[in-house]
Amino acid sequence: MLKIIRNRFEQGCKTTSYPKEPINLYKRYRGLPKINGVCDAAMVRQCAAICPQDAILCEERKIDLGKCTFCGRCENVAEGAFVTFSQDFGMGTSSREALLCDGTLPALAEHSKKHFKKLFGRSLQLRQVSAGGCNSCEADTNVLNTPFFDLSRFGIDFVASPRHADGIHVTGPISKNMKTALIATYEAVPSPKVVIAGGACAISGGPFYGSPEIVGDLGALFPVDLYIPGCPPHPLTTLHALLNFFK
C-alpha cells in the first residue's frame, strides 16, 4: 500500500485541466472546417466532386458534418481555396440541421441544456451501444475513462445495463442485425431519457451511406437529443458536447 501511495506522489496528477484551461491538439488534427464563402463556384464543384461522402453542398457552400469523415481531400484542392480544417473540436449540436456547417461553430440549444440539467442534475449515466460500427468510435469513447480525461469527475459514467441508464450513446451505422437489439435497449432505459448519436455512421450512415443493409440515421428510429460528428469523433469532441449539453 505504501508503495502505491509513493508511486502516486511520484507520478503526480495525470488528468487534464480541461475545460478550466484550453488544450492544444496535434497540428494534423482536423476539426471544424473553415469555409471560404466567396470561393469560385467551379472550385466548390471540384471539391464536391471528389468528396467520397457527398457532404459538400455546392449551392449553400456548406459542409454536412453529419456525413463528413474529415478525410481532408477537399482541403487539398487549390491549397484549401474553399475548405481548410481548424483545430476547433467543439462540434456537437442538438439539431441535425445545425450540422450543415458554414464555417462557424454549431450552437447547442440553451433550452435543452437547462432542461436536461433540471432532469439529471450533476449525474448522467449512459449505456453505450455499438450498432454495427468498426469500433473506432467505441475506442475513442472508452478513452474518456482513462486517467487523462477522467470522465467520471464530471458525474458522467457509462453503465452496463440500460435499466441503470439515463440514456443511450449510439455508434455505428445501425445494421439490420443490430436494429432490434438497439430498439430493445432504448425501450429498457427508464423515461425521461436522452439519445446521443456519436459519429458519422450513427448520424447519416457514414461510409455506408445509402446501403440497404443499414438504417444509417438514428433519428429515423428515435428523437435524437445530441449529435456528435466525426469519423470517429475525437474524445475531446465528445467531452465538449457532453459538458456543454448536460452541465
Protein backbone atom coordinates (compact mmCIF):
# COMPACT_ATOMS: atom_id res chain seq x y z
CA MET A 1 0.00 0.00 0.00
CA LEU A 2 2.81 2.39 0.87
CA LYS A 3 4.45 1.60 -2.45
CA ILE A 4 1.25 2.53 -4.31
CA ILE A 5 0.97 5.82 -2.41
CA ARG A 6 4.62 6.63 -3.10
CA ASN A 7 4.19 5.92 -6.82
CA ARG A 8 1.12 8.15 -6.86
CA PHE A 9 3.08 11.06 -5.40
CA GLU A 10 5.96 10.48 -7.83
CA GLN A 11 3.67 10.43 -10.87
CA GLY A 12 1.63 13.45 -9.88
CA CYS A 13 -1.75 14.29 -11.39
CA LYS A 14 -2.13 12.95 -14.93
CA THR A 15 -5.61 14.34 -15.53
CA THR A 16 -6.00 17.21 -17.98
CA SER A 17 -7.14 20.54 -16.60
CA TYR A 18 -9.59 20.94 -19.49
CA PRO A 19 -12.14 22.59 -19.53
CA LYS A 20 -10.70 25.05 -17.00
CA GLU A 21 -7.71 25.54 -19.28
CA PRO A 22 -7.59 25.23 -23.08
CA ILE A 23 -5.98 22.19 -24.63
CA ASN A 24 -3.97 22.11 -27.85
CA LEU A 25 -4.19 19.17 -30.21
CA TYR A 26 -1.60 17.88 -32.64
CA LYS A 27 -1.25 20.06 -35.76
CA ARG A 28 -2.54 17.31 -38.07
CA TYR A 29 -5.87 17.11 -36.27
CA ARG A 30 -8.81 18.11 -38.49
CA GLY A 31 -11.58 19.86 -36.62
CA LEU A 32 -14.26 22.33 -37.59
CA PRO A 33 -13.86 23.25 -41.28
CA LYS A 34 -13.26 26.86 -42.27
CA ILE A 35 -15.16 27.70 -45.44
CA ASN A 36 -14.41 30.44 -47.95
CA GLY A 37 -17.90 31.69 -48.78
CA VAL A 38 -16.70 33.73 -51.76
CA CYS A 39 -14.70 30.95 -53.38
CA ASP A 40 -15.12 30.45 -57.13
CA ALA A 41 -18.13 28.21 -57.86
CA ALA A 42 -16.06 25.94 -60.10
CA MET A 43 -13.69 25.29 -57.19
CA VAL A 44 -16.60 24.40 -54.93
CA ARG A 45 -17.94 21.95 -57.51
CA GLN A 46 -14.50 20.40 -57.82
CA CYS A 47 -14.36 19.83 -54.08
CA ALA A 48 -17.86 18.37 -54.12
CA ALA A 49 -16.95 16.01 -56.96
CA ILE A 50 -14.09 14.39 -55.05
CA CYS A 51 -15.91 14.18 -51.70
CA PRO A 52 -16.48 10.46 -51.02
CA GLN A 53 -19.41 11.25 -48.72
CA ASP A 54 -21.35 13.78 -50.83
CA ALA A 55 -21.00 16.05 -47.81
CA ILE A 56 -20.42 19.33 -49.69
CA LEU A 57 -23.48 21.38 -50.57
CA CYS A 58 -22.46 23.47 -53.57
CA GLU A 59 -25.33 25.93 -53.70
CA GLU A 60 -25.30 26.68 -49.97
CA ARG A 61 -21.48 26.47 -49.78
CA LYS A 62 -21.71 24.35 -46.66
CA ILE A 63 -20.39 21.01 -45.42
CA ASP A 64 -22.68 18.46 -43.81
CA LEU A 65 -20.70 17.49 -40.70
CA GLY A 66 -23.11 14.60 -40.21
CA LYS A 67 -21.76 12.98 -43.38
CA CYS A 68 -18.18 14.31 -43.39
CA THR A 69 -15.44 11.84 -42.39
CA PHE A 70 -12.78 14.61 -42.26
CA CYS A 71 -10.66 12.85 -44.87
CA GLY A 72 -9.24 16.21 -45.98
CA ARG A 73 -9.48 15.65 -49.72
CA CYS A 74 -11.35 18.94 -50.22
CA GLU A 75 -8.57 20.76 -48.38
CA ASN A 76 -6.06 19.57 -50.96
CA VAL A 77 -7.87 21.32 -53.82
CA ALA A 78 -6.01 24.52 -54.72
CA GLU A 79 -4.29 24.52 -51.29
CA GLY A 80 -7.52 24.93 -49.38
CA ALA A 81 -9.09 27.61 -51.53
CA PHE A 82 -12.57 26.53 -50.42
CA VAL A 83 -12.04 24.46 -47.27
CA THR A 84 -9.39 24.28 -44.58
CA PHE A 85 -9.71 22.43 -41.29
CA SER A 86 -9.18 24.19 -37.97
CA GLN A 87 -8.28 22.74 -34.58
CA ASP A 88 -11.69 23.51 -33.09
CA PHE A 89 -13.06 20.25 -31.69
CA GLY A 90 -16.34 21.63 -30.30
CA MET A 91 -18.72 20.42 -32.99
CA GLY A 92 -21.55 18.73 -31.07
CA THR A 93 -25.04 20.11 -31.59
CA SER A 94 -28.60 19.46 -30.51
CA SER A 95 -30.11 19.50 -34.01
CA ARG A 96 -29.33 17.74 -37.26
CA GLU A 97 -29.80 20.96 -39.23
CA ALA A 98 -27.05 22.70 -37.24
CA LEU A 99 -24.54 20.21 -38.66
CA LEU A 100 -24.87 21.89 -42.06
CA CYS A 101 -21.75 23.93 -41.42
CA ASP A 102 -20.90 27.27 -43.00
CA GLY A 103 -17.64 27.58 -41.07
CA THR A 104 -19.00 28.75 -37.72
CA LEU A 105 -19.25 26.68 -34.56
CA PRO A 106 -22.61 24.91 -34.14
CA ALA A 107 -24.59 26.23 -31.17
CA LEU A 108 -26.07 23.91 -28.57
CA ALA A 109 -29.65 24.83 -27.73
CA GLU A 110 -29.77 26.64 -24.39
CA HIS A 111 -33.26 25.41 -23.58
CA SER A 112 -32.08 21.80 -23.96
CA LYS A 113 -29.11 22.40 -21.68
CA LYS A 114 -31.33 23.79 -18.94
CA HIS A 115 -33.95 21.09 -19.47
CA PHE A 116 -31.56 18.18 -19.02
CA LYS A 117 -29.69 19.76 -16.15
CA LYS A 118 -33.00 20.06 -14.33
CA LEU A 119 -33.80 16.39 -15.04
CA PHE A 120 -30.47 14.77 -14.23
CA GLY A 121 -28.69 17.31 -12.04
CA ARG A 122 -24.96 16.68 -11.88
CA SER A 123 -25.15 12.98 -12.69
CA LEU A 124 -25.57 11.31 -16.07
CA GLN A 125 -25.43 7.56 -16.71
CA LEU A 126 -25.19 6.36 -20.31
CA ARG A 127 -25.44 2.97 -21.97
CA GLN A 128 -23.13 2.76 -24.98
CA VAL A 129 -24.48 0.76 -27.94
CA SER A 130 -22.28 -0.24 -30.86
CA ALA A 131 -24.80 -0.76 -33.65
CA GLY A 132 -22.53 -2.38 -36.21
CA GLY A 133 -19.61 0.04 -36.01
CA CYS A 134 -15.94 -0.55 -36.84
CA ASN A 135 -15.00 0.04 -33.18
CA SER A 136 -13.20 3.34 -33.79
CA CYS A 137 -15.95 5.44 -32.20
CA GLU A 138 -16.17 2.99 -29.32
CA ALA A 139 -12.40 3.09 -28.77
CA ASP A 140 -12.28 6.88 -28.70
CA THR A 141 -15.25 6.94 -26.32
CA ASN A 142 -13.55 4.46 -23.99
CA VAL A 143 -10.53 6.78 -23.84
CA LEU A 144 -12.68 9.19 -21.82
CA ASN A 145 -12.50 6.74 -18.91
CA THR A 146 -8.70 6.91 -18.73
CA PRO A 147 -6.94 8.99 -16.05
CA PHE A 148 -6.11 11.73 -18.58
CA PHE A 149 -9.75 12.62 -19.29
CA ASP A 150 -11.38 11.07 -16.18
CA LEU A 151 -14.97 11.48 -17.39
CA SER A 152 -16.44 10.39 -14.05
CA ARG A 153 -15.11 13.56 -12.34
CA PHE A 154 -17.92 15.36 -14.16
CA GLY A 155 -20.55 12.93 -12.89
CA ILE A 156 -20.84 11.18 -16.28
CA ASP A 157 -20.42 7.41 -16.48
CA PHE A 158 -21.08 4.56 -18.86
CA VAL A 159 -23.04 1.72 -17.27
CA ALA A 160 -23.54 -1.93 -18.17
CA SER A 161 -27.33 -2.08 -18.02
CA PRO A 162 -29.80 0.17 -19.85
CA ARG A 163 -32.07 -0.09 -16.81
CA HIS A 164 -29.44 1.81 -14.82
CA ALA A 165 -29.00 4.46 -17.55
CA ASP A 166 -30.40 7.91 -18.23
CA GLY A 167 -29.93 7.48 -21.96
CA ILE A 168 -28.07 5.74 -24.77
CA HIS A 169 -24.96 6.71 -26.71
CA VAL A 170 -25.19 5.05 -30.12
CA THR A 171 -22.32 4.49 -32.55
CA GLY A 172 -22.22 2.61 -35.84
CA PRO A 173 -24.48 2.68 -38.92
CA ILE A 174 -27.21 0.59 -37.24
CA SER A 175 -27.08 -2.59 -39.28
CA LYS A 176 -30.23 -4.63 -39.82
CA ASN A 177 -28.90 -7.25 -37.41
CA MET A 178 -28.50 -4.64 -34.65
CA LYS A 179 -31.75 -2.74 -35.16
CA THR A 180 -33.88 -4.96 -32.92
CA ALA A 181 -31.27 -5.03 -30.15
CA LEU A 182 -30.93 -1.24 -30.29
CA ILE A 183 -34.68 -0.71 -30.04
CA ALA A 184 -34.86 -3.13 -27.10
CA THR A 185 -32.06 -1.24 -25.34
CA TYR A 186 -33.78 2.08 -25.92
CA GLU A 187 -37.06 0.75 -24.53
CA ALA A 188 -35.28 -0.63 -21.44
CA VAL A 189 -33.99 2.82 -20.44
CA PRO A 190 -36.39 4.47 -17.97
CA SER A 191 -38.09 7.68 -19.07
CA PRO A 192 -37.22 10.50 -19.34
CA LYS A 193 -34.19 9.51 -21.38
CA VAL A 194 -31.67 11.04 -23.76
CA VAL A 195 -30.39 9.77 -27.09
CA ILE A 196 -26.92 10.61 -28.40
CA ALA A 197 -25.72 9.88 -31.94
CA GLY A 198 -21.93 9.57 -31.93
CA GLY A 199 -20.03 9.58 -35.23
CA ALA A 200 -20.91 9.92 -38.90
CA CYS A 201 -22.24 6.36 -39.11
CA ALA A 202 -24.95 6.87 -36.47
CA ILE A 203 -25.84 10.31 -37.84
CA SER A 204 -26.03 9.55 -41.55
CA GLY A 205 -24.57 6.11 -42.30
CA GLY A 206 -21.04 7.41 -42.76
CA PRO A 207 -19.05 5.42 -45.33
CA PHE A 208 -22.03 3.06 -45.61
CA TYR A 209 -24.42 5.85 -46.61
CA GLY A 210 -27.11 4.55 -48.99
CA SER A 211 -26.56 0.87 -48.22
CA PRO A 212 -29.81 -1.15 -47.95
CA GLU A 213 -28.24 -3.16 -45.11
CA ILE A 214 -28.26 -0.28 -42.62
CA VAL A 215 -30.65 2.21 -41.06
CA GLY A 216 -27.91 4.84 -41.25
CA ASP A 217 -29.81 7.54 -39.38
CA LEU A 218 -30.51 7.16 -35.69
CA GLY A 219 -33.07 9.94 -35.99
CA ALA A 220 -35.21 7.64 -38.12
CA LEU A 221 -35.74 5.41 -35.07
CA PHE A 222 -35.82 7.77 -32.08
CA PRO A 223 -35.72 11.51 -31.37
CA VAL A 224 -32.04 12.41 -31.07
CA ASP A 225 -31.03 14.94 -28.39
CA LEU A 226 -27.34 15.33 -29.19
CA TYR A 227 -25.29 14.84 -32.36
CA ILE A 228 -21.51 14.37 -32.12
CA PRO A 229 -19.90 14.40 -35.60
CA GLY A 230 -16.61 12.82 -36.64
CA CYS A 231 -15.18 9.58 -38.01
CA PRO A 232 -14.52 8.87 -35.24
CA PRO A 233 -15.27 11.88 -33.03
CA HIS A 234 -12.18 12.94 -31.12
CA PRO A 235 -12.53 12.23 -27.37
CA LEU A 236 -12.47 15.99 -26.77
CA THR A 237 -15.32 16.48 -29.25
CA THR A 238 -17.42 14.03 -27.26
CA LEU A 239 -16.35 15.52 -23.92
CA HIS A 240 -17.05 19.07 -25.08
CA ALA A 241 -20.51 18.09 -26.32
CA LEU A 242 -21.43 16.26 -23.12
CA LEU A 243 -20.24 19.05 -20.84
CA ASN A 244 -21.89 21.84 -22.80
CA PHE A 245 -25.15 20.00 -23.31
CA PHE A 246 -25.71 18.47 -19.90
CA LYS A 247 -23.66 20.50 -17.43
